[in-house]
């Protein structure tokens, strides 16, 4: 899926949601979730390109494969947290439950921090070896 198709789906989503807001507001929410999932599935096709590029970068700089796996996990956590947070913001805007979306974002950031700790520790050990 291209960015143009994604943009067209997003604009169509907004127009359909506004159209249904006056009568059946829940239909607008269902349409938003369905189109968000459709865009998400379109992005999954791009993940193969990203993983191939990361593998190629790993071959150039000869990093441990675990670091590349960690990078891919961090990318996935970031995308899933943003995606679910965006859906929660859209669904909960009228109800006033923005804190759920904020908690998802905070949890995603903390998960990325936990995933990056082994890489940070390895970097600090390497710097310590150079200094001694």
Protein backbone atom coordinates (compact mmCIF):
# COMPACT_ATOMS: atom_id res chain seq x y z
CA UNK A 1 0.00 0.00 0.00
CA UNK A 2 1.40 3.40 -0.95
CA UNK A 3 1.23 6.57 1.08
CA UNK A 4 -1.26 7.96 -1.44
CA UNK A 5 -3.62 5.03 -0.88
CA UNK A 6 -3.18 5.38 2.87
CA UNK A 7 -3.95 9.08 2.70
CA UNK A 8 -7.04 8.50 0.57
CA UNK A 9 -8.28 5.87 3.02
CA UNK A 10 -7.68 8.25 5.91
CA UNK A 11 -9.62 11.10 4.28
CA UNK A 12 -12.44 8.71 3.33
CA UNK A 13 -12.47 7.49 6.93
CA UNK A 14 -12.89 11.02 8.26
CA UNK A 15 -15.67 11.82 5.78
CA UNK A 16 -17.58 8.64 6.55
CA UNK A 17 -17.17 9.13 10.29
CA UNK A 18 -18.51 12.69 10.06
CA UNK A 19 -21.37 11.47 7.90
CA UNK A 20 -22.44 8.91 10.52
CA UNK A 21 -21.78 11.14 13.54
CA UNK A 22 -25.20 12.77 13.39
CA UNK A 23 -27.26 9.57 13.34
CA UNK A 24 -25.41 6.39 14.21
CA UNK A 25 -22.12 7.46 15.81
CA UNK A 26 -21.10 3.87 16.51
CA UNK A 27 -20.92 3.16 12.77
CA UNK A 28 -18.32 5.89 12.42
CA UNK A 29 -16.26 4.22 15.12
CA UNK A 30 -16.53 0.83 13.43
CA UNK A 31 -15.50 2.32 10.10
CA UNK A 32 -12.51 4.03 11.75
CA UNK A 33 -11.33 0.81 13.36
CA UNK A 34 -11.81 -1.18 10.13
CA UNK A 35 -9.89 1.30 8.01
CA UNK A 36 -7.16 1.57 10.64
CA UNK A 37 -6.74 -2.20 10.52
CA UNK A 38 -6.67 -2.09 6.72
CA UNK A 39 -3.87 0.50 6.79
CA UNK A 40 -2.08 -1.59 9.43
CA UNK A 41 -2.20 -4.64 7.15
CA UNK A 42 -0.83 -2.50 4.33
CA UNK A 43 2.10 -1.50 6.51
CA UNK A 44 2.87 -5.12 7.33
CA UNK A 45 3.86 -5.58 3.70
CA UNK A 46 6.55 -2.94 4.17
CA UNK A 47 8.09 -4.78 7.11
CA UNK A 48 9.88 -7.22 4.82
CA UNK A 49 11.72 -4.32 3.18
CA UNK A 50 12.68 -2.96 6.61
CA UNK A 51 13.96 -6.31 7.88
CA UNK A 52 16.03 -6.82 4.72
CA UNK A 53 17.57 -3.36 5.10
CA UNK A 54 18.38 -3.98 8.75
CA UNK A 55 19.97 -7.32 7.86
CA UNK A 56 22.06 -5.61 5.18
CA UNK A 57 23.18 -2.93 7.65
CA UNK A 58 24.06 -5.68 10.12
CA UNK A 59 26.22 -7.31 7.46
CA UNK A 60 28.12 -4.10 6.81
CA UNK A 61 28.99 -3.29 10.40
CA UNK A 62 29.15 -6.87 11.69
CA UNK A 63 26.90 -6.54 14.68
CA UNK A 64 25.57 -9.39 16.73
CA UNK A 65 22.28 -10.70 15.35
CA UNK A 66 20.67 -10.19 18.74
CA UNK A 67 21.09 -6.43 18.34
CA UNK A 68 19.33 -6.45 15.01
CA UNK A 69 16.53 -8.55 16.51
CA UNK A 70 16.24 -6.03 19.34
CA UNK A 71 16.01 -3.21 16.83
CA UNK A 72 13.18 -4.95 15.00
CA UNK A 73 11.37 -5.61 18.30
CA UNK A 74 11.71 -1.94 19.20
CA UNK A 75 10.26 -0.97 15.85
CA UNK A 76 7.32 -3.32 16.40
CA UNK A 77 6.66 -2.07 19.92
CA UNK A 78 6.74 1.52 18.70
CA UNK A 79 4.30 0.87 15.89
CA UNK A 80 1.88 -1.20 17.95
CA UNK A 81 1.88 1.33 20.79
CA UNK A 82 1.22 4.23 18.40
CA UNK A 83 -1.45 2.29 16.52
CA UNK A 84 -3.36 1.18 19.61
CA UNK A 85 -2.96 4.58 21.23
CA UNK A 86 -4.35 6.28 18.14
CA UNK A 87 -7.35 3.97 18.09
CA UNK A 88 -7.97 4.59 21.80
CA UNK A 89 -7.73 8.34 21.25
CA UNK A 90 -10.23 8.13 18.41
CA UNK A 91 -12.66 5.91 20.30
CA UNK A 92 -12.34 7.61 23.65
CA UNK A 93 -12.32 11.22 22.49
CA UNK A 94 -16.05 11.59 23.07
CA UNK A 95 -16.02 9.65 26.34
CA UNK A 96 -13.08 11.59 27.81
CA UNK A 97 -10.86 8.57 28.51
CA UNK A 98 -7.62 9.95 27.06
CA UNK A 99 -5.63 8.43 29.92
CA UNK A 100 -5.90 4.95 28.42
CA UNK A 101 -4.10 6.13 25.28
CA UNK A 102 -1.47 7.88 27.40
CA UNK A 103 -0.90 4.74 29.46
CA UNK A 104 -0.39 2.69 26.29
CA UNK A 105 2.19 5.23 25.09
CA UNK A 106 4.02 5.17 28.43
CA UNK A 107 4.00 1.37 28.49
CA UNK A 108 5.42 1.33 24.95
CA UNK A 109 8.21 3.73 25.91
CA UNK A 110 9.09 1.69 28.99
CA UNK A 111 9.11 -1.50 26.93
CA UNK A 112 11.53 0.10 24.47
CA UNK A 113 13.71 1.17 27.40
CA UNK A 114 13.79 -2.38 28.74
CA UNK A 115 14.62 -3.75 25.28
CA UNK A 116 17.45 -1.26 24.85
CA UNK A 117 19.13 -1.91 28.21
CA UNK A 118 21.26 -4.87 27.00
CA UNK A 119 22.49 -2.81 24.05
CA UNK A 120 23.30 0.11 26.34
CA UNK A 121 25.16 -2.14 28.76
CA UNK A 122 27.20 -3.66 25.91
CA UNK A 123 28.05 -0.16 24.70
CA UNK A 124 29.16 0.90 28.19
CA UNK A 125 31.32 -2.23 28.50
CA UNK A 126 32.96 -1.47 25.15
CA UNK A 127 33.65 2.11 26.22
CA UNK A 128 35.05 0.80 29.53
CA UNK A 129 37.41 -1.51 27.62
CA UNK A 130 38.68 1.37 25.50
CA UNK A 131 39.31 3.54 28.55
CA UNK A 132 41.22 0.89 30.49
